[in-house]
């Protein structure tokens, strides 16, 4: 493997690892950023509070999943590049696929 390929391969490996590590760290924050469910004294208000709290937790989970997806894409691009299935343009296509 030439030095140019090694740099790209190592960068993609580091990028994939960083996305996966950050997704895990973000998931660990969930208890700290999830709003507490409190009673407002009205069943309708209580239901609304619960739904909003569930939405916050759901959004938190979706963002962590999105970070993991980006890590998977970086890993896929690295693997394709390592096998020489794609050139540098193909790597960028792998990384940006679905970002529309």
PDB file of N, CA and C in Angstrom:
ATOM      1  N   UNK A   1       0.852  -1.170   0.000  1.00  0.00           N
ATOM      2  CA  UNK A   1       0.000   0.000   0.000  1.00  0.00           C
ATOM      3  C   UNK A   1       0.901   1.237   0.000  1.00  0.00           C
ATOM      4  N   UNK A   2       0.636   2.148  -0.932  1.00  0.00           N
ATOM      5  CA  UNK A   2       1.458   3.351  -1.002  1.00  0.00           C
ATOM      6  C   UNK A   2       1.112   4.282   0.154  1.00  0.00           C
ATOM      7  N   UNK A   3       1.959   5.268   0.365  1.00  0.00           N
ATOM      8  CA  UNK A   3       1.764   6.212   1.474  1.00  0.00           C
ATOM      9  C   UNK A   3       0.466   6.984   1.321  1.00  0.00           C
ATOM     10  N   UNK A   4       0.116   7.367   0.075  1.00  0.00           N
ATOM     11  CA  UNK A   4      -1.137   8.110  -0.154  1.00  0.00           C
ATOM     12  C   UNK A   4      -2.345   7.278   0.262  1.00  0.00           C
ATOM     13  N   UNK A   5      -2.326   6.010  -0.136  1.00  0.00           N
ATOM     14  CA  UNK A   5      -3.437   5.138   0.232  1.00  0.00           C
ATOM     15  C   UNK A   5      -3.504   4.930   1.741  1.00  0.00           C
ATOM     16  N   UNK A   6      -2.344   4.793   2.368  1.00  0.00           N
ATOM     17  CA  UNK A   6      -2.314   4.565   3.813  1.00  0.00           C
ATOM     18  C   UNK A   6      -2.888   5.760   4.565  1.00  0.00           C
ATOM     19  N   UNK A   7      -2.582   6.964   4.112  1.00  0.00           N
ATOM     20  CA  UNK A   7      -3.111   8.161   4.768  1.00  0.00           C
ATOM     21  C   UNK A   7      -4.635   8.175   4.683  1.00  0.00           C
ATOM     22  N   UNK A   8      -5.172   7.928   3.493  1.00  0.00           N
ATOM     23  CA  UNK A   8      -6.627   7.927   3.320  1.00  0.00           C
ATOM     24  C   UNK A   8      -7.243   6.796   4.140  1.00  0.00           C
ATOM     25  N   UNK A   9      -6.646   5.629   4.072  1.00  0.00           N
ATOM     26  CA  UNK A   9      -7.163   4.480   4.823  1.00  0.00           C
ATOM     27  C   UNK A   9      -7.163   4.768   6.319  1.00  0.00           C
ATOM     28  N   UNK A  10      -6.069   5.309   6.833  1.00  0.00           N
ATOM     29  CA  UNK A  10      -5.981   5.620   8.260  1.00  0.00           C
ATOM     30  C   UNK A  10      -6.974   6.722   8.658  1.00  0.00           C
ATOM     31  N   UNK A  11      -7.130   7.730   7.788  1.00  0.00           N
ATOM     32  CA  UNK A  11      -8.090   8.797   8.072  1.00  0.00           C
ATOM     33  C   UNK A  11      -9.518   8.260   8.121  1.00  0.00           C
ATOM     34  N   UNK A  12      -9.857   7.392   7.180  1.00  0.00           N
ATOM     35  CA  UNK A  12     -11.201   6.812   7.182  1.00  0.00           C
ATOM     36  C   UNK A  12     -11.413   5.909   8.392  1.00  0.00           C
ATOM     37  N   UNK A  13     -10.378   5.190   8.789  1.00  0.00           N
ATOM     38  CA  UNK A  13     -10.478   4.350   9.994  1.00  0.00           C
ATOM     39  C   UNK A  13     -10.712   5.213  11.226  1.00  0.00           C
ATOM     40  N   UNK A  14      -9.946   6.309  11.329  1.00  0.00           N
ATOM     41  CA  UNK A  14     -10.113   7.221  12.458  1.00  0.00           C
ATOM     42  C   UNK A  14     -11.484   7.877  12.461  1.00  0.00           C
ATOM     43  N   UNK A  15     -11.981   8.233  11.279  1.00  0.00           N
ATOM     44  CA  UNK A  15     -13.303   8.846  11.173  1.00  0.00           C
ATOM     45  C   UNK A  15     -14.392   7.872  11.615  1.00  0.00           C
ATOM     46  N   UNK A  16     -14.310   6.639  11.150  1.00  0.00           N
ATOM     47  CA  UNK A  16     -15.305   5.628  11.539  1.00  0.00           C
ATOM     48  C   UNK A  16     -15.288   5.410  13.050  1.00  0.00           C
ATOM     49  N   UNK A  17     -14.098   5.292  13.608  1.00  0.00           N
ATOM     50  CA  UNK A  17     -13.980   5.080  15.057  1.00  0.00           C
ATOM     51  C   UNK A  17     -14.521   6.274  15.826  1.00  0.00           C
ATOM     52  N   UNK A  18     -14.209   7.482  15.366  1.00  0.00           N
ATOM     53  CA  UNK A  18     -14.679   8.691  16.063  1.00  0.00           C
ATOM     54  C   UNK A  18     -16.202   8.766  16.064  1.00  0.00           C
ATOM     55  N   UNK A  19     -16.828   8.488  14.928  1.00  0.00           N
ATOM     56  CA  UNK A  19     -18.291   8.516  14.884  1.00  0.00           C
ATOM     57  C   UNK A  19     -18.889   7.481  15.835  1.00  0.00           C
ATOM     58  N   UNK A  20     -18.354   6.269  15.826  1.00  0.00           N
ATOM     59  CA  UNK A  20     -18.887   5.227  16.711  1.00  0.00           C
ATOM     60  C   UNK A  20     -18.640   5.555  18.183  1.00  0.00           C
ATOM     61  N   UNK A  21     -17.464   6.066  18.494  1.00  0.00           N
ATOM     62  CA  UNK A  21     -17.167   6.445  19.879  1.00  0.00           C
ATOM     63  C   UNK A  21     -18.096   7.563  20.358  1.00  0.00           C
ATOM     64  N   UNK A  22     -18.289   8.558  19.507  1.00  0.00           N
ATOM     65  CA  UNK A  22     -19.139   9.684  19.892  1.00  0.00           C
ATOM     66  C   UNK A  22     -20.602   9.263  20.013  1.00  0.00           C
ATOM     67  N   UNK A  23     -21.038   8.338  19.187  1.00  0.00           N
ATOM     68  CA  UNK A  23     -22.407   7.825  19.303  1.00  0.00           C
ATOM     69  C   UNK A  23     -22.589   7.135  20.656  1.00  0.00           C
ATOM     70  N   UNK A  24     -21.604   6.351  21.051  1.00  0.00           N
ATOM     71  CA  UNK A  24     -21.670   5.687  22.354  1.00  0.00           C
ATOM     72  C   UNK A  24     -21.660   6.682  23.502  1.00  0.00           C
ATOM     73  N   UNK A  25     -20.798   7.692  23.391  1.00  0.00           N
ATOM     74  CA  UNK A  25     -20.750   8.722  24.432  1.00  0.00           C
ATOM     75  C   UNK A  25     -22.068   9.484  24.510  1.00  0.00           C
ATOM     76  N   UNK A  26     -22.654   9.779  23.359  1.00  0.00           N
ATOM     77  CA  UNK A  26     -23.916  10.511  23.326  1.00  0.00           C
ATOM     78  C   UNK A  26     -25.044   9.674  23.943  1.00  0.00           C
ATOM     79  N   UNK A  27     -25.030   8.374  23.677  1.00  0.00           N
ATOM     80  CA  UNK A  27     -26.047   7.492  24.280  1.00  0.00           C
ATOM     81  C   UNK A  27     -25.930   7.479  25.809  1.00  0.00           C
ATOM     82  N   UNK A  28     -24.695   7.534  26.302  1.00  0.00           N
ATOM     83  CA  UNK A  28     -24.488   7.531  27.758  1.00  0.00           C
ATOM     84  C   UNK A  28     -25.045   8.792  28.416  1.00  0.00           C
ATOM     85  N   UNK A  29     -25.198   9.863  27.649  1.00  0.00           N
ATOM     86  CA  UNK A  29     -25.741  11.117  28.186  1.00  0.00           C
ATOM     87  C   UNK A  29     -27.260  11.097  28.344  1.00  0.00           C
ATOM     88  N   UNK A  30     -27.921  10.126  27.768  1.00  0.00           N
ATOM     89  CA  UNK A  30     -29.384  10.105  27.747  1.00  0.00           C
ATOM     90  C   UNK A  30     -30.022  10.326  29.118  1.00  0.00           C
ATOM     91  N   UNK A  31     -29.584   9.657  30.171  1.00  0.00           N
ATOM     92  CA  UNK A  31     -30.226   9.899  31.462  1.00  0.00           C
ATOM     93  C   UNK A  31     -30.050  11.341  31.963  1.00  0.00           C
ATOM     94  N   UNK A  32     -28.936  11.959  31.591  1.00  0.00           N
ATOM     95  CA  UNK A  32     -28.670  13.320  32.058  1.00  0.00           C
ATOM     96  C   UNK A  32     -29.459  14.381  31.301  1.00  0.00           C
ATOM     97  N   UNK A  33     -29.848  14.084  30.066  1.00  0.00           N
ATOM     98  CA  UNK A  33     -30.552  15.086  29.266  1.00  0.00           C
ATOM     99  C   UNK A  33     -32.036  14.775  29.093  1.00  0.00           C
ATOM    100  N   UNK A  34     -32.483  13.635  29.588  1.00  0.00           N
ATOM    101  CA  UNK A  34     -33.899  13.286  29.485  1.00  0.00           C
ATOM    102  C   UNK A  34     -34.688  14.050  30.540  1.00  0.00           C
ATOM    103  N   UNK A  35     -35.743  14.728  30.104  1.00  0.00           N
ATOM    104  CA  UNK A  35     -36.509  15.511  31.086  1.00  0.00           C
ATOM    105  C   UNK A  35     -37.244  14.604  32.069  1.00  0.00           C
ATOM    106  N   UNK A  36     -37.358  15.090  33.285  1.00  0.00           N
ATOM    107  CA  UNK A  36     -38.098  14.350  34.308  1.00  0.00           C
ATOM    108  C   UNK A  36     -39.592  14.469  34.021  1.00  0.00           C
ATOM    109  N   UNK A  37     -40.299  13.400  34.286  1.00  0.00           N
ATOM    110  CA  UNK A  37     -41.745  13.402  34.109  1.00  0.00           C
ATOM    111  C   UNK A  37     -42.358  13.821  35.444  1.00  0.00           C
ATOM    112  N   UNK A  38     -43.064  14.915  35.420  1.00  0.00           N
ATOM    113  CA  UNK A  38     -43.691  15.414  36.638  1.00  0.00           C
ATOM    114  C   UNK A  38     -45.188  15.511  36.415  1.00  0.00           C
ATOM    115  N   UNK A  39     -45.904  15.563  37.497  1.00  0.00           N
ATOM    116  CA  UNK A  39     -47.352  15.685  37.418  1.00  0.00           C
ATOM    117  C   UNK A  39     -47.739  17.158  37.417  1.00  0.00           C
ATOM    118  N   UNK A  40     -48.586  17.508  36.477  1.00  0.00           N
ATOM    119  CA  UNK A  40     -49.092  18.870  36.406  1.00  0.00           C
ATOM    120  C   UNK A  40     -50.443  19.011  37.081  1.00  0.00           C
ATOM    121  N   UNK A  41     -50.971  17.911  37.582  1.00  0.00           N
ATOM    122  CA  UNK A  41     -52.258  17.943  38.260  1.00  0.00           C
ATOM    123  C   UNK A  41     -53.447  17.739  37.330  1.00  0.00           C
ATOM    124  N   UNK A  42     -53.212  17.708  36.066  1.00  0.00           N
ATOM    125  CA  UNK A  42     -54.274  17.531  35.073  1.00  0.00           C
ATOM    126  C   UNK A  42     -53.881  16.346  34.188  1.00  0.00           C
ATOM    127  N   UNK A  43     -54.768  15.365  34.033  1.00  0.00           N
ATOM    128  CA  UNK A  43     -54.409  14.191  33.221  1.00  0.00           C
ATOM    129  C   UNK A  43     -54.010  14.550  31.786  1.00  0.00           C
ATOM    130  N   UNK A  44     -54.655  15.539  31.187  1.00  0.00           N
ATOM    131  CA  UNK A  44     -54.294  15.947  29.823  1.00  0.00           C
ATOM    132  C   UNK A  44     -52.912  16.557  29.775  1.00  0.00           C
ATOM    133  N   UNK A  45     -52.614  17.407  30.745  1.00  0.00           N
ATOM    134  CA  UNK A  45     -51.287  18.017  30.820  1.00  0.00           C
ATOM    135  C   UNK A  45     -50.228  16.961  31.093  1.00  0.00           C
ATOM    136  N   UNK A  46     -50.527  16.035  31.988  1.00  0.00           N
ATOM    137  CA  UNK A  46     -49.582  14.958  32.294  1.00  0.00           C
ATOM    138  C   UNK A  46     -49.275  14.123  31.052  1.00  0.00           C
ATOM    139  N   UNK A  47     -50.304  13.847  30.255  1.00  0.00           N
ATOM    140  CA  UNK A  47     -50.111  13.071  29.025  1.00  0.00           C
ATOM    141  C   UNK A  47     -49.239  13.851  28.041  1.00  0.00           C
ATOM    142  N   UNK A  48     -49.464  15.155  27.936  1.00  0.00           N
ATOM    143  CA  UNK A  48     -48.667  15.982  27.034  1.00  0.00           C
ATOM    144  C   UNK A  48     -47.209  16.035  27.492  1.00  0.00           C
ATOM    145  N   UNK A  49     -46.984  16.183  28.791  1.00  0.00           N
ATOM    146  CA  UNK A  49     -45.615  16.207  29.327  1.00  0.00           C
ATOM    147  C   UNK A  49     -44.905  14.891  29.025  1.00  0.00           C
ATOM    148  N   UNK A  50     -45.631  13.796  29.221  1.00  0.00           N
ATOM    149  CA  UNK A  50     -45.040  12.480  28.968  1.00  0.00           C
ATOM    150  C   UNK A  50     -44.688  12.324  27.488  1.00  0.00           C
ATOM    151  N   UNK A  51     -45.564  12.758  26.603  1.00  0.00           N
ATOM    152  CA  UNK A  51     -45.300  12.642  25.166  1.00  0.00           C
ATOM    153  C   UNK A  51     -44.087  13.483  24.749  1.00  0.00           C
ATOM    154  N   UNK A  52     -44.002  14.684  25.273  1.00  0.00           N
ATOM    155  CA  UNK A  52     -42.861  15.544  24.937  1.00  0.00           C
ATOM    156  C   UNK A  52     -41.566  14.942  25.471  1.00  0.00           C
ATOM    157  N   UNK A  53     -41.595  14.406  26.674  1.00  0.00           N
ATOM    158  CA  UNK A  53     -40.405  13.754  27.231  1.00  0.00           C
ATOM    159  C   UNK A  53     -40.001  12.561  26.367  1.00  0.00           C
ATOM    160  N   UNK A  54     -40.985  11.794  25.910  1.00  0.00           N
ATOM    161  CA  UNK A  54     -40.691  10.655  25.032  1.00  0.00           C
ATOM    162  C   UNK A  54     -40.099  11.118  23.706  1.00  0.00           C
ATOM    163  N   UNK A  55     -40.571  12.253  23.179  1.00  0.00           N
ATOM    164  CA  UNK A  55     -40.017  12.798  21.939  1.00  0.00           C
ATOM    165  C   UNK A  55     -38.554  13.212  22.121  1.00  0.00           C
ATOM    166  N   UNK A  56     -38.251  13.825  23.253  1.00  0.00           N
ATOM    167  CA  UNK A  56     -36.862  14.230  23.519  1.00  0.00           C
ATOM    168  C   UNK A  56     -35.961  12.995  23.563  1.00  0.00           C
ATOM    169  N   UNK A  57     -36.407  11.954  24.229  1.00  0.00           N
ATOM    170  CA  UNK A  57     -35.622  10.716  24.310  1.00  0.00           C
ATOM    171  C   UNK A  57     -35.485  10.097  22.922  1.00  0.00           C
ATOM    172  N   UNK A  58     -36.575  10.108  22.155  1.00  0.00           N
ATOM    173  CA  UNK A  58     -36.536   9.555  20.802  1.00  0.00           C
ATOM    174  C   UNK A  58     -35.580  10.312  19.896  1.00  0.00           C
ATOM    175  N   UNK A  59     -35.596  11.633  19.978  1.00  0.00           N
ATOM    176  CA  UNK A  59     -34.678  12.442  19.173  1.00  0.00           C
ATOM    177  C   UNK A  59     -33.223  12.183  19.576  1.00  0.00           C
ATOM    178  N   UNK A  60     -32.999  12.021  20.862  1.00  0.00           N
ATOM    179  CA  UNK A  60     -31.658  11.733  21.359  1.00  0.00           C
ATOM    180  C   UNK A  60     -31.163  10.403  20.768  1.00  0.00           C
ATOM    181  N   UNK A  61     -32.030   9.414  20.786  1.00  0.00           N
ATOM    182  CA  UNK A  61     -31.682   8.097  20.249  1.00  0.00           C
ATOM    183  C   UNK A  61     -31.431   8.166  18.749  1.00  0.00           C
ATOM    184  N   UNK A  62     -32.287   8.909  18.040  1.00  0.00           N
ATOM    185  CA  UNK A  62     -32.117   9.033  16.592  1.00  0.00           C
ATOM    186  C   UNK A  62     -30.797   9.704  16.230  1.00  0.00           C
ATOM    187  N   UNK A  63     -30.399  10.703  16.986  1.00  0.00           N
ATOM    188  CA  UNK A  63     -29.127  11.370  16.705  1.00  0.00           C
ATOM    189  C   UNK A  63     -27.959  10.411  16.945  1.00  0.00           C
ATOM    190  N   UNK A  64     -28.020   9.649  18.013  1.00  0.00           N
ATOM    191  CA  UNK A  64     -26.953   8.670  18.271  1.00  0.00           C
ATOM    192  C   UNK A  64     -26.916   7.624  17.153  1.00  0.00           C
ATOM    193  N   UNK A  65     -28.091   7.192  16.703  1.00  0.00           N
ATOM    194  CA  UNK A  65     -28.145   6.232  15.596  1.00  0.00           C
ATOM    195  C   UNK A  65     -27.563   6.831  14.323  1.00  0.00           C
ATOM    196  N   UNK A  66     -27.827   8.107  14.098  1.00  0.00           N
ATOM    197  CA  UNK A  66     -27.303   8.791  12.909  1.00  0.00           C
ATOM    198  C   UNK A  66     -25.771   8.866  12.960  1.00  0.00           C
ATOM    199  N   UNK A  67     -25.226   9.129  14.137  1.00  0.00           N
ATOM    200  CA  UNK A  67     -23.767   9.127  14.285  1.00  0.00           C
ATOM    201  C   UNK A  67     -23.196   7.748  13.968  1.00  0.00           C
ATOM    202  N   UNK A  68     -23.868   6.697  14.462  1.00  0.00           N
ATOM    203  CA  UNK A  68     -23.421   5.333  14.156  1.00  0.00           C
ATOM    204  C   UNK A  68     -23.506   5.050  12.652  1.00  0.00           C
ATOM    205  N   UNK A  69     -24.579   5.537  12.006  1.00  0.00           N
ATOM    206  CA  UNK A  69     -24.709   5.349  10.557  1.00  0.00           C
ATOM    207  C   UNK A  69     -23.541   5.994   9.810  1.00  0.00           C
ATOM    208  N   UNK A  70     -23.157   7.188  10.235  1.00  0.00           N
ATOM    209  CA  UNK A  70     -22.021   7.848   9.589  1.00  0.00           C
ATOM    210  C   UNK A  70     -20.731   7.061   9.827  1.00  0.00           C
ATOM    211  N   UNK A  71     -20.589   6.481  11.005  1.00  0.00           N
ATOM    212  CA  UNK A  71     -19.429   5.632  11.267  1.00  0.00           C
ATOM    213  C   UNK A  71     -19.422   4.412  10.368  1.00  0.00           C
ATOM    214  N   UNK A  72     -20.611   3.837  10.158  1.00  0.00           N
ATOM    215  CA  UNK A  72     -20.717   2.683   9.257  1.00  0.00           C
ATOM    216  C   UNK A  72     -20.353   3.069   7.824  1.00  0.00           C
ATOM    217  N   UNK A  73     -20.804   4.246   7.387  1.00  0.00           N
ATOM    218  CA  UNK A  73     -20.480   4.701   6.030  1.00  0.00           C
ATOM    219  C   UNK A  73     -18.976   4.923   5.876  1.00  0.00           C
ATOM    220  N   UNK A  74     -18.364   5.521   6.868  1.00  0.00           N
ATOM    221  CA  UNK A  74     -16.918   5.738   6.807  1.00  0.00           C
ATOM    222  C   UNK A  74     -16.187   4.393   6.780  1.00  0.00           C
ATOM    223  N   UNK A  75     -16.660   3.433   7.558  1.00  0.00           N
ATOM    224  CA  UNK A  75     -16.064   2.096   7.559  1.00  0.00           C
ATOM    225  C   UNK A  75     -16.237   1.397   6.219  1.00  0.00           C
ATOM    226  N   UNK A  76     -17.418   1.555   5.626  1.00  0.00           N
ATOM    227  CA  UNK A  76     -17.677   0.958   4.314  1.00  0.00           C
ATOM    228  C   UNK A  76     -16.774   1.581   3.255  1.00  0.00           C
ATOM    229  N   UNK A  77     -16.644   2.910   3.291  1.00  0.00           N
ATOM    230  CA  UNK A  77     -15.772   3.597   2.334  1.00  0.00           C
ATOM    231  C   UNK A  77     -14.324   3.137   2.514  1.00  0.00           C
ATOM    232  N   UNK A  78     -13.894   3.011   3.772  1.00  0.00           N
ATOM    233  CA  UNK A  78     -12.521   2.548   4.052  1.00  0.00           C
ATOM    234  C   UNK A  78     -12.312   1.147   3.488  1.00  0.00           C
ATOM    235  N   UNK A  79     -13.275   0.251   3.739  1.00  0.00           N
ATOM    236  CA  UNK A  79     -13.140  -1.128   3.271  1.00  0.00           C
ATOM    237  C   UNK A  79     -13.131  -1.204   1.742  1.00  0.00           C
ATOM    238  N   UNK A  80     -14.003  -0.425   1.085  1.00  0.00           N
ATOM    239  CA  UNK A  80     -14.036  -0.406  -0.379  1.00  0.00           C
ATOM    240  C   UNK A  80     -12.715   0.119  -0.939  1.00  0.00           C
ATOM    241  N   UNK A  81     -12.221   1.178  -0.324  1.00  0.00           N
ATOM    242  CA  UNK A  81     -10.967   1.773  -0.772  1.00  0.00           C
ATOM    243  C   UNK A  81      -9.808   0.812  -0.539  1.00  0.00           C
ATOM    244  N   UNK A  82      -9.831   0.122   0.590  1.00  0.00           N
ATOM    245  CA  UNK A  82      -8.762  -0.815   0.919  1.00  0.00           C
ATOM    246  C   UNK A  82      -8.725  -1.977  -0.081  1.00  0.00           C
ATOM    247  N   UNK A  83      -9.903  -2.430  -0.507  1.00  0.00           N
ATOM    248  CA  UNK A  83      -9.972  -3.525  -1.482  1.00  0.00           C
ATOM    249  C   UNK A  83      -9.736  -3.027  -2.908  1.00  0.00           C
ATOM    250  N   UNK A  84      -9.620  -1.703  -3.061  1.00  0.00           N
ATOM    251  CA  UNK A  84      -9.439  -1.067  -4.371  1.00  0.00           C
ATOM    252  C   UNK A  84     -10.669  -1.246  -5.254  1.00  0.00           C
ATOM    253  N   UNK A  85     -11.853  -1.411  -4.622  1.00  0.00           N
ATOM    254  CA  UNK A  85     -13.095  -1.469  -5.388  1.00  0.00           C
ATOM    255  C   UNK A  85     -13.440  -0.101  -5.964  1.00  0.00           C
ATOM    256  N   UNK A  86     -12.980   0.943  -5.287  1.00  0.00           N
ATOM    257  CA  UNK A  86     -13.296   2.308  -5.720  1.00  0.00           C
ATOM    258  C   UNK A  86     -12.036   3.155  -5.701  1.00  0.00           C
ATOM    259  N   UNK A  87     -12.100   4.267  -6.424  1.00  0.00           N
ATOM    260  CA  UNK A  87     -11.019   5.247  -6.360  1.00  0.00           C
ATOM    261  C   UNK A  87     -11.424   6.329  -5.369  1.00  0.00           C
ATOM    262  N   UNK A  88     -10.686   7.405  -5.311  1.00  0.00           N
ATOM    263  CA  UNK A  88     -10.964   8.461  -4.340  1.00  0.00           C
ATOM    264  C   UNK A  88     -12.355   9.059  -4.550  1.00  0.00           C
ATOM    265  N   UNK A  89     -12.792   9.145  -5.811  1.00  0.00           N
ATOM    266  CA  UNK A  89     -14.137   9.668  -6.083  1.00  0.00           C
ATOM    267  C   UNK A  89     -15.204   8.719  -5.534  1.00  0.00           C
ATOM    268  N   UNK A  90     -14.947   7.439  -5.647  1.00  0.00           N
ATOM    269  CA  UNK A  90     -15.871   6.452  -5.103  1.00  0.00           C
ATOM    270  C   UNK A  90     -15.958   6.527  -3.588  1.00  0.00           C
ATOM    271  N   UNK A  91     -14.852   6.846  -2.941  1.00  0.00           N
ATOM    272  CA  UNK A  91     -14.854   7.001  -1.482  1.00  0.00           C
ATOM    273  C   UNK A  91     -15.809   8.128  -1.092  1.00  0.00           C
ATOM    274  N   UNK A  92     -15.702   9.264  -1.792  1.00  0.00           N
ATOM    275  CA  UNK A  92     -16.588  10.385  -1.477  1.00  0.00           C
ATOM    276  C   UNK A  92     -18.045  10.053  -1.782  1.00  0.00           C
ATOM    277  N   UNK A  93     -18.294   9.276  -2.828  1.00  0.00           N
ATOM    278  CA  UNK A  93     -19.661   8.853  -3.116  1.00  0.00           C
ATOM    279  C   UNK A  93     -20.188   7.960  -1.993  1.00  0.00           C
ATOM    280  N   UNK A  94     -19.339   7.054  -1.498  1.00  0.00           N
ATOM    281  CA  UNK A  94     -19.754   6.196  -0.380  1.00  0.00           C
ATOM    282  C   UNK A  94     -20.069   7.026   0.862  1.00  0.00           C
ATOM    283  N   UNK A  95     -19.272   8.069   1.103  1.00  0.00           N
ATOM    284  CA  UNK A  95     -19.460   8.875   2.300  1.00  0.00           C
ATOM    285  C   UNK A  95     -20.691   9.775   2.219  1.00  0.00           C
ATOM    286  N   UNK A  96     -21.053  10.203   1.003  1.00  0.00           N
ATOM    287  CA  UNK A  96     -22.156  11.155   0.864  1.00  0.00           C
ATOM    288  C   UNK A  96     -23.451  10.512   0.392  1.00  0.00           C
ATOM    289  N   UNK A  97     -23.462   9.229   0.173  1.00  0.00           N
ATOM    290  CA  UNK A  97     -24.668   8.545  -0.275  1.00  0.00           C
ATOM    291  C   UNK A  97     -25.785   8.712   0.741  1.00  0.00           C
ATOM    292  N   UNK A  98     -26.917   9.209   0.289  1.00  0.00           N
ATOM    293  CA  UNK A  98     -28.066   9.379   1.160  1.00  0.00           C
ATOM    294  C   UNK A  98     -28.089  10.672   1.940  1.00  0.00           C
ATOM    295  N   UNK A  99     -27.184  11.594   1.669  1.00  0.00           N
ATOM    296  CA  UNK A  99     -27.158  12.870   2.395  1.00  0.00           C
ATOM    297  C   UNK A  99     -28.025  13.934   1.738  1.00  0.00           C
ATOM    298  N   UNK A 100     -28.720  13.584   0.688  1.00  0.00           N
ATOM    299  CA  UNK A 100     -29.553  14.569  -0.019  1.00  0.00           C
ATOM    300  C   UNK A 100     -30.623  15.138   0.862  1.00  0.00           C
TER     301      UNK A 100
END
